[in-house]
Protein backbone atom coordinates (compact mmCIF):
# COMPACT_ATOMS: atom_id res chain seq x y z
CA UNK A 1 18.06 -12.92 28.30
CA UNK A 2 16.79 -14.95 25.45
CA UNK A 3 13.12 -14.94 25.08
CA UNK A 4 10.88 -17.88 24.29
CA UNK A 5 10.18 -16.34 20.91
CA UNK A 6 14.01 -15.96 20.16
CA UNK A 7 14.43 -19.76 21.00
CA UNK A 8 11.44 -20.80 18.64
CA UNK A 9 12.32 -18.61 15.94
CA UNK A 10 16.04 -19.57 16.02
CA UNK A 11 14.91 -23.07 15.63
CA UNK A 12 12.91 -22.13 12.66
CA UNK A 13 15.60 -20.10 11.06
CA UNK A 14 18.05 -22.75 11.43
CA UNK A 15 15.81 -25.30 9.75
CA UNK A 16 15.44 -22.76 6.93
CA UNK A 17 19.12 -21.99 6.51
CA UNK A 18 19.98 -25.61 6.21
CA UNK A 19 18.03 -25.94 3.03
CA UNK A 20 17.61 -22.26 1.73
CA UNK A 21 15.74 -23.24 -1.59
CA UNK A 22 13.34 -25.85 -0.07
CA UNK A 23 9.99 -25.12 1.43
CA UNK A 24 9.84 -25.50 5.33
CA UNK A 25 8.84 -28.90 6.76
CA UNK A 26 7.16 -29.55 10.06
CA UNK A 27 9.60 -28.84 12.93
CA UNK A 28 11.54 -31.18 15.07
CA UNK A 29 9.85 -33.16 17.96
CA UNK A 30 9.34 -31.22 21.13
CA UNK A 31 11.92 -33.62 22.84
CA UNK A 32 14.89 -32.39 20.56
CA UNK A 33 17.47 -30.43 21.95
CA UNK A 34 16.96 -26.63 22.12
CA UNK A 35 13.18 -26.84 21.49
CA UNK A 36 11.23 -24.66 23.88
CA UNK A 37 8.38 -26.07 26.15
CA UNK A 38 5.09 -26.43 24.55
CA UNK A 39 3.42 -23.79 26.72
CA UNK A 40 5.65 -21.20 24.67
CA UNK A 41 4.18 -21.94 21.34
CA UNK A 42 0.85 -20.07 22.08
CA UNK A 43 2.55 -17.01 23.75
CA UNK A 44 3.39 -15.14 20.52
CA UNK A 45 1.30 -13.26 18.07
CA UNK A 46 1.90 -12.40 14.42
CA UNK A 47 3.17 -9.00 15.33
CA UNK A 48 5.75 -10.59 17.77
CA UNK A 49 6.95 -12.66 14.82
CA UNK A 50 7.30 -9.61 12.62
CA UNK A 51 9.22 -8.02 15.51
CA UNK A 52 11.53 -10.87 15.83
CA UNK A 53 12.11 -11.17 12.14
CA UNK A 54 13.07 -7.39 12.10
CA UNK A 55 15.63 -7.94 14.71
CA UNK A 56 17.16 -10.93 13.08
CA UNK A 57 16.99 -9.00 9.68
CA UNK A 58 18.85 -5.98 11.05
CA UNK A 59 21.39 -7.98 13.12
CA UNK A 60 22.20 -10.55 10.38
CA UNK A 61 24.70 -10.47 7.57
CA UNK A 62 23.97 -7.95 4.70
CA UNK A 63 21.14 -8.81 2.43
CA UNK A 64 22.83 -9.87 -0.85
CA UNK A 65 19.47 -9.75 -2.58
CA UNK A 66 18.80 -6.10 -1.78
CA UNK A 67 19.10 -3.56 -4.47
CA UNK A 68 22.39 -1.74 -4.52
CA UNK A 69 22.57 1.55 -2.99
CA UNK A 70 23.47 4.59 -5.13
CA UNK A 71 27.26 5.43 -4.93
CA UNK A 72 28.19 8.71 -3.37
CA UNK A 73 29.55 11.26 -5.67
CA UNK A 74 33.06 12.32 -5.16
CA UNK A 75 34.06 15.93 -5.14
CA UNK A 76 37.71 15.12 -5.31
CA UNK A 77 39.73 15.84 -8.44
CA UNK A 78 42.61 13.93 -9.73
CA UNK A 79 43.89 16.94 -11.68
CA UNK A 80 43.39 20.53 -10.38
CA UNK A 81 43.41 21.61 -14.08
CA UNK A 82 40.81 19.18 -15.41
CA UNK A 83 38.08 20.73 -17.60
CA UNK A 84 34.44 19.65 -17.43
CA UNK A 85 33.91 16.58 -19.50
CA UNK A 86 32.25 16.92 -22.89
CA UNK A 87 28.60 15.98 -23.18
CA UNK A 88 29.62 12.83 -25.38
CA UNK A 89 31.78 11.61 -22.60
CA UNK A 90 29.23 12.30 -19.85
CA UNK A 91 26.77 10.26 -21.67
CA UNK A 92 29.08 7.50 -22.18
CA UNK A 93 30.27 7.60 -18.58
CA UNK A 94 26.55 7.45 -17.31
CA UNK A 95 25.61 4.67 -19.55
CA UNK A 96 28.33 2.42 -18.34
CA UNK A 97 28.44 3.53 -14.51
CA UNK A 98 29.04 0.78 -12.07
CA UNK A 99 25.86 1.73 -10.12
CA UNK A 100 23.59 1.29 -13.35
CA UNK A 101 25.17 -1.93 -14.07
CA UNK A 102 24.46 -3.17 -10.53
CA UNK A 103 20.92 -2.09 -10.86
CA UNK A 104 20.45 -4.07 -13.99
CA UNK A 105 22.15 -7.12 -12.58
CA UNK A 106 19.89 -6.96 -9.45
CA UNK A 107 16.77 -6.64 -11.45
CA UNK A 108 17.71 -9.62 -13.65
CA UNK A 109 18.52 -11.69 -10.56
CA UNK A 110 15.20 -10.67 -8.92
CA UNK A 111 13.12 -11.54 -12.01
CA UNK A 112 14.77 -14.95 -12.31
CA UNK A 113 14.29 -15.68 -8.66
CA UNK A 114 10.57 -14.75 -8.83
CA UNK A 115 10.18 -16.96 -11.98
CA UNK A 116 11.67 -19.84 -10.12
CA UNK A 117 9.42 -19.45 -7.08
CA UNK A 118 6.43 -19.09 -9.44
CA UNK A 119 7.33 -22.31 -11.25
CA UNK A 120 7.54 -24.03 -7.82
CA UNK A 121 4.18 -22.62 -6.78
CA UNK A 122 2.44 -23.65 -9.95
CA UNK A 123 3.43 -27.16 -9.40
CA UNK A 124 1.37 -27.36 -6.14
CA UNK A 125 -1.95 -28.98 -6.89
CA UNK A 126 -4.95 -28.98 -4.60
CA UNK A 127 -8.83 -29.50 -5.44
CA UNK A 128 -10.49 -26.23 -6.57
CA UNK A 129 -13.20 -26.34 -4.00
CA UNK A 130 -11.11 -27.74 -1.11
CA UNK A 131 -11.43 -25.51 2.11
CA UNK A 132 -8.23 -24.27 3.79
CA UNK A 133 -7.28 -26.39 6.81
CA UNK A 134 -6.48 -24.78 10.16
CA UNK A 135 -2.77 -24.41 9.48
CA UNK A 136 -3.36 -22.62 6.09
CA UNK A 137 -6.03 -20.50 7.51
CA UNK A 138 -3.99 -19.21 10.47
CA UNK A 139 -1.08 -18.09 8.12
CA UNK A 140 -3.44 -16.49 5.60
CA UNK A 141 -5.42 -14.65 8.41
CA UNK A 142 -2.12 -13.29 9.94
CA UNK A 143 -1.02 -11.92 6.56
CA UNK A 144 -4.40 -10.38 5.95
CA UNK A 145 -5.02 -8.89 9.35
CA UNK A 146 -1.56 -7.70 10.24
CA UNK A 147 0.46 -7.31 7.07
CA UNK A 148 -1.71 -6.52 3.90
CA UNK A 149 -5.00 -7.11 2.32
CA UNK A 150 -3.46 -6.69 -0.99
CA UNK A 151 -0.20 -8.90 -1.09
CA UNK A 152 1.50 -8.61 -4.44
CA UNK A 153 1.86 -11.62 -6.63
CA UNK A 154 5.41 -12.35 -5.48
CA UNK A 155 4.19 -12.48 -1.84
CA UNK A 156 1.14 -14.66 -2.69
CA UNK A 157 3.59 -17.11 -4.51
CA UNK A 158 5.60 -17.40 -1.40
CA UNK A 159 2.56 -18.09 0.64
CA UNK A 160 1.34 -20.65 -1.52
CA UNK A 161 4.86 -22.42 -1.38
CA UNK A 162 5.07 -22.07 2.49
CA UNK A 163 1.48 -23.39 3.25
CA UNK A 164 1.43 -25.89 0.36
CA UNK A 165 -1.74 -24.52 -1.26
CA UNK A 166 -2.24 -23.85 -5.10
CA UNK A 167 -1.27 -20.33 -6.05
CA UNK A 168 -4.72 -19.73 -7.78
CA UNK A 169 -6.48 -20.64 -4.32
CA UNK A 170 -4.32 -18.35 -2.45
CA UNK A 171 -5.09 -15.50 -4.88
CA UNK A 172 -8.72 -16.40 -4.68
CA UNK A 173 -8.72 -16.50 -0.74
CA UNK A 174 -7.51 -12.84 -0.50
CA UNK A 175 -10.02 -11.64 -3.20
CA UNK A 176 -12.89 -13.44 -1.49
CA UNK A 177 -11.80 -12.14 1.90
CA UNK A 178 -11.80 -8.67 0.69
CA UNK A 179 -15.30 -8.78 -0.70
CA UNK A 180 -16.40 -10.15 2.79
CA UNK A 181 -14.42 -7.84 5.05
CA UNK A 182 -12.50 -4.77 4.00
CA UNK A 183 -12.11 -3.21 7.43
CA UNK A 184 -9.03 -1.60 8.52
CA UNK A 185 -6.67 0.92 7.05
CA UNK A 186 -3.96 0.44 4.50
CA UNK A 187 -0.95 2.63 3.74
CA UNK A 188 0.49 2.95 0.29
CA UNK A 189 4.42 2.31 0.34
CA UNK A 190 7.09 0.68 -1.90
CA UNK A 191 9.07 -2.44 -1.39
CA UNK A 192 12.81 -2.83 -1.76
CA UNK A 193 12.05 -4.41 -5.23
CA UNK A 194 10.14 -1.31 -6.18
CA UNK A 195 6.56 -2.76 -5.91
CA UNK A 196 3.78 -0.50 -4.86
CA UNK A 197 1.97 -2.06 -1.92
CA UNK A 198 -0.70 -1.21 0.64
CA UNK A 199 0.35 -2.45 3.97
CA UNK A 200 -1.50 -2.42 7.46
CA UNK A 201 -0.19 0.48 9.71
CA UNK A 202 0.96 -2.33 12.13
CA UNK A 203 3.31 -3.60 9.57
CA UNK A 204 4.86 -0.15 9.21
CA UNK A 205 5.92 0.45 12.63
CA UNK A 206 9.35 2.13 12.39
CA UNK A 207 10.73 0.43 15.50
CA UNK A 208 9.82 -2.88 14.14
CA UNK A 209 10.07 -3.21 10.28
CA UNK A 210 12.77 -2.22 7.78
CA UNK A 211 11.66 -1.70 4.24
CA UNK A 212 9.72 -4.58 3.31
CA UNK A 213 10.95 -6.94 0.75
CA UNK A 214 10.24 -10.43 -0.77
CA UNK A 215 13.11 -11.83 1.55
CA UNK A 216 11.72 -10.23 4.66
CA UNK A 217 8.13 -11.18 4.00
CA UNK A 218 9.30 -14.85 3.31
CA UNK A 219 11.16 -14.84 6.60
CA UNK A 220 8.15 -13.50 8.67
CA UNK A 221 5.61 -16.10 7.17
CA UNK A 222 8.14 -18.99 7.58
CA UNK A 223 8.60 -18.18 11.22
CA UNK A 224 4.96 -17.83 11.79
CA UNK A 225 4.09 -20.98 9.86
CA UNK A 226 6.53 -22.95 12.16
CA UNK A 227 4.91 -21.52 15.19
CA UNK A 228 1.35 -22.54 13.85
CA UNK A 229 2.47 -26.02 13.12
CA UNK A 230 3.99 -26.40 16.77
CA UNK A 231 0.63 -24.82 18.29
CA UNK A 232 -1.48 -27.36 16.42
CA UNK A 233 0.86 -30.28 17.31
CA UNK A 234 0.73 -29.13 20.87
CA UNK A 235 -3.05 -29.11 20.81
CA UNK A 236 -3.48 -32.54 19.26
CA UNK A 237 -5.08 -35.09 21.68
CA UNK A 238 -2.53 -37.43 23.34
CA UNK A 239 -2.32 -40.96 22.13
CA UNK A 240 -1.72 -43.83 24.32
């Protein structure tokens, strides 16, 4: 049976998939086909969103942005009488191995994608002393409380784009929040991109989360951002 969260998140993911390189816009009206009742919007927490993103991440198509997996060594020999390759030949073979080239291409693609996102984030302007609004605060608070107090730069860029707040202000918010409240444990781990991060234990539940990556983090906050927007819309006073 499809849960309310699956219906809500699928609507969010469909909106994202229709425009993969654009920031999310407010969701469709509640009267649109396939939208869940308003009472469902407040029934999910940040951890539920992480759980759903995990299911979609695992059940979806292969992640083309994931780093290539090392090739398994073959113990078969084309010629039984082959002797071991010379040191010079081994060095040349290692230098031009397909796996090494895939790793290089992956890192180049990752850096280019991060640079593109940074440029988009830097174009977002907001007043230096402007407080966060309710929508922005909900997303920032969920990341801080349930995922990490120390988001890497690439994740703060994604947050800035999703909530439409200047990158510098997002960075300052996390810094100020750590000074006020550093409660809770953090576990050191590594993302798929090779970044060293400190995540909340909740974000490392083995039955929930795969290895974190920029793409998985982006999916989690986009789903949660959609949920927050729908919650706020549902709580708006009715107009005659």
